[in-house]
Amino acid sequence: MGLIVLDSSIVIALLDPKDLHHEKCFSEYQNAKREENATFFISTISLAESLVGAIKISYEFALNIFAKISEEIGSLIEFKSET
């Protein structure tokens, strides 16, 4: 399957069982995880977007969400400006 870059909306839906798209996202994510050579990434921008709701609850909660994302996805794509 190769490289799979997850958008913040997918990550949020995966982490929130009350999200309208949770079941579908979770099912597709599980299917993709079973594929050979599937590697998941999230951009630093999408990671920040994924944490907005969590930080509104508390800093500690946001750290826990960050840990879950890091554990599941593992790799970040860093955006750098080349001059």
PDB file of N, CA and C in Angstrom:
ATOM      1  N   MET A   1       0.819  -1.181   0.000  1.00  0.00           N
ATOM      2  CA  MET A   1       0.000   0.000   0.000  1.00  0.00           C
ATOM      3  C   MET A   1       0.864   1.245   0.000  1.00  0.00           C
ATOM      4  N   GLY A   2       1.940   1.264   0.763  1.00  0.00           N
ATOM      5  CA  GLY A   2       2.844   2.388   0.741  1.00  0.00           C
ATOM      6  C   GLY A   2       2.532   3.475   1.747  1.00  0.00           C
ATOM      7  N   LEU A   3       2.897   4.695   1.382  1.00  0.00           N
ATOM      8  CA  LEU A   3       2.765   5.863   2.239  1.00  0.00           C
ATOM      9  C   LEU A   3       1.329   6.347   2.306  1.00  0.00           C
ATOM     10  N   ILE A   4       0.828   6.530   3.532  1.00  0.00           N
ATOM     11  CA  ILE A   4      -0.529   7.035   3.754  1.00  0.00           C
ATOM     12  C   ILE A   4      -0.417   8.255   4.658  1.00  0.00           C
ATOM     13  N   VAL A   5      -0.785   9.411   4.125  1.00  0.00           N
ATOM     14  CA  VAL A   5      -0.739  10.646   4.897  1.00  0.00           C
ATOM     15  C   VAL A   5      -2.145  10.932   5.412  1.00  0.00           C
ATOM     16  N   LEU A   6      -2.272  11.025   6.723  1.00  0.00           N
ATOM     17  CA  LEU A   6      -3.574  11.235   7.342  1.00  0.00           C
ATOM     18  C   LEU A   6      -3.834  12.712   7.589  1.00  0.00           C
ATOM     19  N   ASP A   7      -5.006  13.168   7.220  1.00  0.00           N
ATOM     20  CA  ASP A   7      -5.436  14.527   7.462  1.00  0.00           C
ATOM     21  C   ASP A   7      -5.991  14.632   8.882  1.00  0.00           C
ATOM     22  N   SER A   8      -6.033  15.847   9.405  1.00  0.00           N
ATOM     23  CA  SER A   8      -6.522  16.048  10.771  1.00  0.00           C
ATOM     24  C   SER A   8      -7.960  15.574  10.951  1.00  0.00           C
ATOM     25  N   SER A   9      -8.792  15.725   9.940  1.00  0.00           N
ATOM     26  CA  SER A   9     -10.190  15.289  10.084  1.00  0.00           C
ATOM     27  C   SER A   9     -10.277  13.782  10.293  1.00  0.00           C
ATOM     28  N   ILE A  10      -9.391  13.040   9.673  1.00  0.00           N
ATOM     29  CA  ILE A  10      -9.353  11.585   9.849  1.00  0.00           C
ATOM     30  C   ILE A  10      -8.863  11.242  11.256  1.00  0.00           C
ATOM     31  N   VAL A  11      -7.810  11.905  11.687  1.00  0.00           N
ATOM     32  CA  VAL A  11      -7.248  11.642  13.015  1.00  0.00           C
ATOM     33  C   VAL A  11      -8.275  11.963  14.101  1.00  0.00           C
ATOM     34  N   ILE A  12      -8.953  13.089  13.966  1.00  0.00           N
ATOM     35  CA  ILE A  12      -9.977  13.471  14.937  1.00  0.00           C
ATOM     36  C   ILE A  12     -11.097  12.432  14.969  1.00  0.00           C
ATOM     37  N   ALA A  13     -11.545  12.005  13.804  1.00  0.00           N
ATOM     38  CA  ALA A  13     -12.609  10.995  13.740  1.00  0.00           C
ATOM     39  C   ALA A  13     -12.151   9.666  14.341  1.00  0.00           C
ATOM     40  N   LEU A  14     -10.895   9.298  14.118  1.00  0.00           N
ATOM     41  CA  LEU A  14     -10.371   8.056  14.687  1.00  0.00           C
ATOM     42  C   LEU A  14     -10.362   8.096  16.211  1.00  0.00           C
ATOM     43  N   LEU A  15     -10.029   9.243  16.774  1.00  0.00           N
ATOM     44  CA  LEU A  15      -9.865   9.359  18.221  1.00  0.00           C
ATOM     45  C   LEU A  15     -11.157   9.634  18.985  1.00  0.00           C
ATOM     46  N   ASP A  16     -12.179  10.082  18.272  1.00  0.00           N
ATOM     47  CA  ASP A  16     -13.430  10.464  18.944  1.00  0.00           C
ATOM     48  C   ASP A  16     -14.566   9.526  18.549  1.00  0.00           C
ATOM     49  N   PRO A  17     -14.918   8.573  19.421  1.00  0.00           N
ATOM     50  CA  PRO A  17     -15.999   7.635  19.096  1.00  0.00           C
ATOM     51  C   PRO A  17     -17.345   8.309  18.838  1.00  0.00           C
ATOM     52  N   LYS A  18     -17.506   9.554  19.299  1.00  0.00           N
ATOM     53  CA  LYS A  18     -18.759  10.276  19.063  1.00  0.00           C
ATOM     54  C   LYS A  18     -18.781  11.002  17.713  1.00  0.00           C
ATOM     55  N   ASP A  19     -17.643  11.041  17.039  1.00  0.00           N
ATOM     56  CA  ASP A  19     -17.571  11.722  15.741  1.00  0.00           C
ATOM     57  C   ASP A  19     -18.434  10.981  14.720  1.00  0.00           C
ATOM     58  N   LEU A  20     -19.114  11.735  13.889  1.00  0.00           N
ATOM     59  CA  LEU A  20     -20.005  11.190  12.866  1.00  0.00           C
ATOM     60  C   LEU A  20     -19.294  10.190  11.956  1.00  0.00           C
ATOM     61  N   HIS A  21     -18.009  10.399  11.711  1.00  0.00           N
ATOM     62  CA  HIS A  21     -17.260   9.560  10.766  1.00  0.00           C
ATOM     63  C   HIS A  21     -16.364   8.523  11.440  1.00  0.00           C
ATOM     64  N   HIS A  22     -16.479   8.400  12.765  1.00  0.00           N
ATOM     65  CA  HIS A  22     -15.592   7.506  13.505  1.00  0.00           C
ATOM     66  C   HIS A  22     -15.618   6.069  12.987  1.00  0.00           C
ATOM     67  N   GLU A  23     -16.788   5.482  12.884  1.00  0.00           N
ATOM     68  CA  GLU A  23     -16.875   4.065  12.500  1.00  0.00           C
ATOM     69  C   GLU A  23     -16.250   3.804  11.143  1.00  0.00           C
ATOM     70  N   LYS A  24     -16.557   4.630  10.157  1.00  0.00           N
ATOM     71  CA  LYS A  24     -16.022   4.451   8.810  1.00  0.00           C
ATOM     72  C   LYS A  24     -14.506   4.659   8.798  1.00  0.00           C
ATOM     73  N   CYS A  25     -14.042   5.717   9.449  1.00  0.00           N
ATOM     74  CA  CYS A  25     -12.604   5.987   9.503  1.00  0.00           C
ATOM     75  C   CYS A  25     -11.862   4.871  10.222  1.00  0.00           C
ATOM     76  N   PHE A  26     -12.420   4.430  11.341  1.00  0.00           N
ATOM     77  CA  PHE A  26     -11.776   3.364  12.103  1.00  0.00           C
ATOM     78  C   PHE A  26     -11.687   2.079  11.279  1.00  0.00           C
ATOM     79  N   SER A  27     -12.773   1.735  10.603  1.00  0.00           N
ATOM     80  CA  SER A  27     -12.794   0.536   9.770  1.00  0.00           C
ATOM     81  C   SER A  27     -11.763   0.616   8.641  1.00  0.00           C
ATOM     82  N   GLU A  28     -11.726   1.741   7.955  1.00  0.00           N
ATOM     83  CA  GLU A  28     -10.775   1.914   6.851  1.00  0.00           C
ATOM     84  C   GLU A  28      -9.331   1.936   7.356  1.00  0.00           C
ATOM     85  N   TYR A  29      -9.131   2.554   8.511  1.00  0.00           N
ATOM     86  CA  TYR A  29      -7.794   2.593   9.103  1.00  0.00           C
ATOM     87  C   TYR A  29      -7.319   1.181   9.461  1.00  0.00           C
ATOM     88  N   GLN A  30      -8.188   0.393  10.060  1.00  0.00           N
ATOM     89  CA  GLN A  30      -7.837  -0.989  10.410  1.00  0.00           C
ATOM     90  C   GLN A  30      -7.531  -1.807   9.161  1.00  0.00           C
ATOM     91  N   ASN A  31      -8.327  -1.628   8.122  1.00  0.00           N
ATOM     92  CA  ASN A  31      -8.069  -2.328   6.857  1.00  0.00           C
ATOM     93  C   ASN A  31      -6.717  -1.930   6.282  1.00  0.00           C
ATOM     94  N   ALA A  32      -6.422  -0.648   6.301  1.00  0.00           N
ATOM     95  CA  ALA A  32      -5.152  -0.159   5.750  1.00  0.00           C
ATOM     96  C   ALA A  32      -3.972  -0.674   6.566  1.00  0.00           C
ATOM     97  N   LYS A  33      -4.122  -0.775   7.892  1.00  0.00           N
ATOM     98  CA  LYS A  33      -3.041  -1.277   8.746  1.00  0.00           C
ATOM     99  C   LYS A  33      -2.674  -2.712   8.402  1.00  0.00           C
ATOM    100  N   ARG A  34      -3.638  -3.479   7.904  1.00  0.00           N
ATOM    101  CA  ARG A  34      -3.390  -4.882   7.561  1.00  0.00           C
ATOM    102  C   ARG A  34      -2.646  -5.034   6.225  1.00  0.00           C
ATOM    103  N   GLU A  35      -2.632  -3.977   5.439  1.00  0.00           N
ATOM    104  CA  GLU A  35      -1.968  -4.031   4.142  1.00  0.00           C
ATOM    105  C   GLU A  35      -0.449  -4.080   4.325  1.00  0.00           C
ATOM    106  N   GLU A  36       0.198  -4.811   3.444  1.00  0.00           N
ATOM    107  CA  GLU A  36       1.648  -4.905   3.480  1.00  0.00           C
ATOM    108  C   GLU A  36       2.264  -3.555   3.102  1.00  0.00           C
ATOM    109  N   ASN A  37       3.309  -3.187   3.799  1.00  0.00           N
ATOM    110  CA  ASN A  37       4.054  -1.949   3.534  1.00  0.00           C
ATOM    111  C   ASN A  37       3.252  -0.678   3.771  1.00  0.00           C
ATOM    112  N   ALA A  38       2.187  -0.731   4.541  1.00  0.00           N
ATOM    113  CA  ALA A  38       1.425   0.482   4.852  1.00  0.00           C
ATOM    114  C   ALA A  38       2.193   1.276   5.909  1.00  0.00           C
ATOM    115  N   THR A  39       2.512   2.506   5.582  1.00  0.00           N
ATOM    116  CA  THR A  39       3.218   3.392   6.490  1.00  0.00           C
ATOM    117  C   THR A  39       2.411   4.666   6.649  1.00  0.00           C
ATOM    118  N   PHE A  40       2.056   4.996   7.877  1.00  0.00           N
ATOM    119  CA  PHE A  40       1.219   6.152   8.148  1.00  0.00           C
ATOM    120  C   PHE A  40       2.062   7.342   8.576  1.00  0.00           C
ATOM    121  N   PHE A  41       1.686   8.499   8.081  1.00  0.00           N
ATOM    122  CA  PHE A  41       2.327   9.758   8.435  1.00  0.00           C
ATOM    123  C   PHE A  41       1.253  10.789   8.711  1.00  0.00           C
ATOM    124  N   ILE A  42       1.626  11.809   9.453  1.00  0.00           N
ATOM    125  CA  ILE A  42       0.772  12.980   9.639  1.00  0.00           C
ATOM    126  C   ILE A  42       1.692  14.194   9.546  1.00  0.00           C
ATOM    127  N   SER A  43       1.234  15.234   8.885  1.00  0.00           N
ATOM    128  CA  SER A  43       2.042  16.446   8.807  1.00  0.00           C
ATOM    129  C   SER A  43       2.000  17.167  10.142  1.00  0.00           C
ATOM    130  N   THR A  44       3.010  17.960  10.387  1.00  0.00           N
ATOM    131  CA  THR A  44       3.025  18.740  11.625  1.00  0.00           C
ATOM    132  C   THR A  44       1.835  19.695  11.676  1.00  0.00           C
ATOM    133  N   ILE A  45       1.405  20.160  10.516  1.00  0.00           N
ATOM    134  CA  ILE A  45       0.242  21.052  10.456  1.00  0.00           C
ATOM    135  C   ILE A  45      -1.015  20.297  10.862  1.00  0.00           C
ATOM    136  N   SER A  46      -1.216  19.102  10.300  1.00  0.00           N
ATOM    137  CA  SER A  46      -2.398  18.302  10.646  1.00  0.00           C
ATOM    138  C   SER A  46      -2.367  17.875  12.108  1.00  0.00           C
ATOM    139  N   LEU A  47      -1.180  17.608  12.620  1.00  0.00           N
ATOM    140  CA  LEU A  47      -1.055  17.257  14.036  1.00  0.00           C
ATOM    141  C   LEU A  47      -1.540  18.412  14.902  1.00  0.00           C
ATOM    142  N   ALA A  48      -1.096  19.616  14.591  1.00  0.00           N
ATOM    143  CA  ALA A  48      -1.526  20.790  15.357  1.00  0.00           C
ATOM    144  C   ALA A  48      -3.039  20.976  15.270  1.00  0.00           C
ATOM    145  N   GLU A  49      -3.594  20.801  14.084  1.00  0.00           N
ATOM    146  CA  GLU A  49      -5.044  20.920  13.912  1.00  0.00           C
ATOM    147  C   GLU A  49      -5.783  19.871  14.736  1.00  0.00           C
ATOM    148  N   SER A  50      -5.216  18.688  14.816  1.00  0.00           N
ATOM    149  CA  SER A  50      -5.840  17.591  15.564  1.00  0.00           C
ATOM    150  C   SER A  50      -5.869  17.848  17.066  1.00  0.00           C
ATOM    151  N   LEU A  51      -4.987  18.700  17.539  1.00  0.00           N
ATOM    152  CA  LEU A  51      -4.872  18.945  18.975  1.00  0.00           C
ATOM    153  C   LEU A  51      -5.653  20.168  19.462  1.00  0.00           C
ATOM    154  N   VAL A  52      -6.255  20.921  18.561  1.00  0.00           N
ATOM    155  CA  VAL A  52      -6.968  22.143  18.947  1.00  0.00           C
ATOM    156  C   VAL A  52      -8.071  21.854  19.963  1.00  0.00           C
ATOM    157  N   GLY A  53      -8.920  20.895  19.674  1.00  0.00           N
ATOM    158  CA  GLY A  53     -10.008  20.563  20.597  1.00  0.00           C
ATOM    159  C   GLY A  53      -9.501  20.039  21.920  1.00  0.00           C
ATOM    160  N   ALA A  54      -8.433  19.252  21.876  1.00  0.00           N
ATOM    161  CA  ALA A  54      -7.880  18.663  23.093  1.00  0.00           C
ATOM    162  C   ALA A  54      -7.284  19.731  24.008  1.00  0.00           C
ATOM    163  N   ILE A  55      -6.597  20.703  23.433  1.00  0.00           N
ATOM    164  CA  ILE A  55      -5.967  21.731  24.267  1.00  0.00           C
ATOM    165  C   ILE A  55      -7.013  22.614  24.924  1.00  0.00           C
ATOM    166  N   LYS A  56      -8.187  22.717  24.309  1.00  0.00           N
ATOM    167  CA  LYS A  56      -9.276  23.487  24.926  1.00  0.00           C
ATOM    168  C   LYS A  56      -9.761  22.814  26.203  1.00  0.00           C
ATOM    169  N   ILE A  57      -9.630  21.500  26.262  1.00  0.00           N
ATOM    170  CA  ILE A  57     -10.033  20.758  27.465  1.00  0.00           C
ATOM    171  C   ILE A  57      -8.969  20.934  28.551  1.00  0.00           C
ATOM    172  N   SER A  58      -7.727  20.593  28.211  1.00  0.00           N
ATOM    173  CA  SER A  58      -6.610  20.827  29.136  1.00  0.00           C
ATOM    174  C   SER A  58      -5.301  20.464  28.439  1.00  0.00           C
ATOM    175  N   TYR A  59      -4.240  21.022  28.958  1.00  0.00           N
ATOM    176  CA  TYR A  59      -2.913  20.732  28.426  1.00  0.00           C
ATOM    177  C   TYR A  59      -2.583  19.244  28.588  1.00  0.00           C
ATOM    178  N   GLU A  60      -2.909  18.705  29.751  1.00  0.00           N
ATOM    179  CA  GLU A  60      -2.644  17.282  30.024  1.00  0.00           C
ATOM    180  C   GLU A  60      -3.417  16.380  29.050  1.00  0.00           C
ATOM    181  N   PHE A  61      -4.675  16.730  28.796  1.00  0.00           N
ATOM    182  CA  PHE A  61      -5.476  15.960  27.843  1.00  0.00           C
ATOM    183  C   PHE A  61      -4.846  16.009  26.454  1.00  0.00           C
ATOM    184  N   ALA A  62      -4.379  17.186  26.060  1.00  0.00           N
ATOM    185  CA  ALA A  62      -3.722  17.329  24.751  1.00  0.00           C
ATOM    186  C   ALA A  62      -2.461  16.473  24.678  1.00  0.00           C
ATOM    187  N   LEU A  63      -1.704  16.418  25.765  1.00  0.00           N
ATOM    188  CA  LEU A  63      -0.509  15.559  25.785  1.00  0.00           C
ATOM    189  C   LEU A  63      -0.877  14.085  25.627  1.00  0.00           C
ATOM    190  N   ASN A  64      -1.982  13.678  26.260  1.00  0.00           N
ATOM    191  CA  ASN A  64      -2.437  12.294  26.127  1.00  0.00           C
ATOM    192  C   ASN A  64      -2.861  11.988  24.694  1.00  0.00           C
ATOM    193  N   ILE A  65      -3.554  12.930  24.061  1.00  0.00           N
ATOM    194  CA  ILE A  65      -3.963  12.748  22.665  1.00  0.00           C
ATOM    195  C   ILE A  65      -2.731  12.692  21.765  1.00  0.00           C
ATOM    196  N   PHE A  66      -1.773  13.574  22.026  1.00  0.00           N
ATOM    197  CA  PHE A  66      -0.527  13.560  21.255  1.00  0.00           C
ATOM    198  C   PHE A  66       0.171  12.211  21.374  1.00  0.00           C
ATOM    199  N   ALA A  67       0.191  11.657  22.579  1.00  0.00           N
ATOM    200  CA  ALA A  67       0.819  10.346  22.797  1.00  0.00           C
ATOM    201  C   ALA A  67       0.099   9.259  22.006  1.00  0.00           C
ATOM    202  N   LYS A  68      -1.235   9.307  21.982  1.00  0.00           N
ATOM    203  CA  LYS A  68      -2.008   8.321  21.210  1.00  0.00           C
ATOM    204  C   LYS A  68      -1.704   8.436  19.720  1.00  0.00           C
ATOM    205  N   ILE A  69      -1.657   9.671  19.228  1.00  0.00           N
ATOM    206  CA  ILE A  69      -1.354   9.885  17.811  1.00  0.00           C
ATOM    207  C   ILE A  69       0.050   9.379  17.499  1.00  0.00           C
ATOM    208  N   SER A  70       1.010   9.717  18.341  1.00  0.00           N
ATOM    209  CA  SER A  70       2.397   9.286  18.128  1.00  0.00           C
ATOM    210  C   SER A  70       2.532   7.770  18.138  1.00  0.00           C
ATOM    211  N   GLU A  71       1.805   7.141  19.048  1.00  0.00           N
ATOM    212  CA  GLU A  71       1.853   5.680  19.160  1.00  0.00           C
ATOM    213  C   GLU A  71       1.267   5.006  17.914  1.00  0.00           C
ATOM    214  N   GLU A  72       0.150   5.511  17.434  1.00  0.00           N
ATOM    215  CA  GLU A  72      -0.531   4.907  16.287  1.00  0.00           C
ATOM    216  C   GLU A  72       0.141   5.233  14.960  1.00  0.00           C
ATOM    217  N   ILE A  73       0.504   6.485  14.785  1.00  0.00           N
ATOM    218  CA  ILE A  73       0.990   6.927  13.485  1.00  0.00           C
ATOM    219  C   ILE A  73       2.511   6.924  13.438  1.00  0.00           C
ATOM    220  N   GLY A  74       3.107   7.465  14.460  1.00  0.00           N
ATOM    221  CA  GLY A  74       4.554   7.351  14.587  1.00  0.00           C
ATOM    222  C   GLY A  74       5.392   8.370  13.846  1.00  0.00           C
ATOM    223  N   SER A  75       5.088   8.674  12.607  1.00  0.00           N
ATOM    224  CA  SER A  75       5.977   9.515  11.815  1.00  0.00           C
ATOM    225  C   SER A  75       5.336  10.846  11.449  1.00  0.00           C
ATOM    226  N   LEU A  76       6.119  11.899  11.590  1.00  0.00           N
ATOM    227  CA  LEU A  76       5.659  13.233  11.241  1.00  0.00           C
ATOM    228  C   LEU A  76       6.342  13.688   9.961  1.00  0.00           C
ATOM    229  N   ILE A  77       5.600  14.401   9.154  1.00  0.00           N
ATOM    230  CA  ILE A  77       6.180  15.043   7.977  1.00  0.00           C
ATOM    231  C   ILE A  77       6.345  16.515   8.334  1.00  0.00           C
ATOM    232  N   GLU A  78       7.589  16.940   8.411  1.00  0.00           N
ATOM    233  CA  GLU A  78       7.881  18.319   8.790  1.00  0.00           C
ATOM    234  C   GLU A  78       7.910  19.196   7.548  1.00  0.00           C
ATOM    235  N   PHE A  79       7.259  20.326   7.644  1.00  0.00           N
ATOM    236  CA  PHE A  79       7.263  21.277   6.539  1.00  0.00           C
ATOM    237  C   PHE A  79       8.319  22.331   6.819  1.00  0.00           C
ATOM    238  N   LYS A  80       9.206  22.528   5.840  1.00  0.00           N
ATOM    239  CA  LYS A  80      10.264  23.512   5.983  1.00  0.00           C
ATOM    240  C   LYS A  80      10.248  24.438   4.772  1.00  0.00           C
ATOM    241  N   SER A  81      10.574  25.652   5.031  1.00  0.00           N
ATOM    242  CA  SER A  81      10.684  26.626   3.945  1.00  0.00           C
ATOM    243  C   SER A  81      12.098  26.587   3.414  1.00  0.00           C
ATOM    244  N   GLU A  82      12.230  26.358   2.147  1.00  0.00           N
ATOM    245  CA  GLU A  82      13.537  26.339   1.506  1.00  0.00           C
ATOM    246  C   GLU A  82      13.779  27.695   0.873  1.00  0.00           C
ATOM    247  N   THR A  83      14.879  28.356   1.234  1.00  0.00           N
ATOM    248  CA  THR A  83      15.172  29.666   0.633  1.00  0.00           C
ATOM    249  C   THR A  83      16.439  29.629  -0.173  1.00  0.00           C
TER     250      THR A  83
END
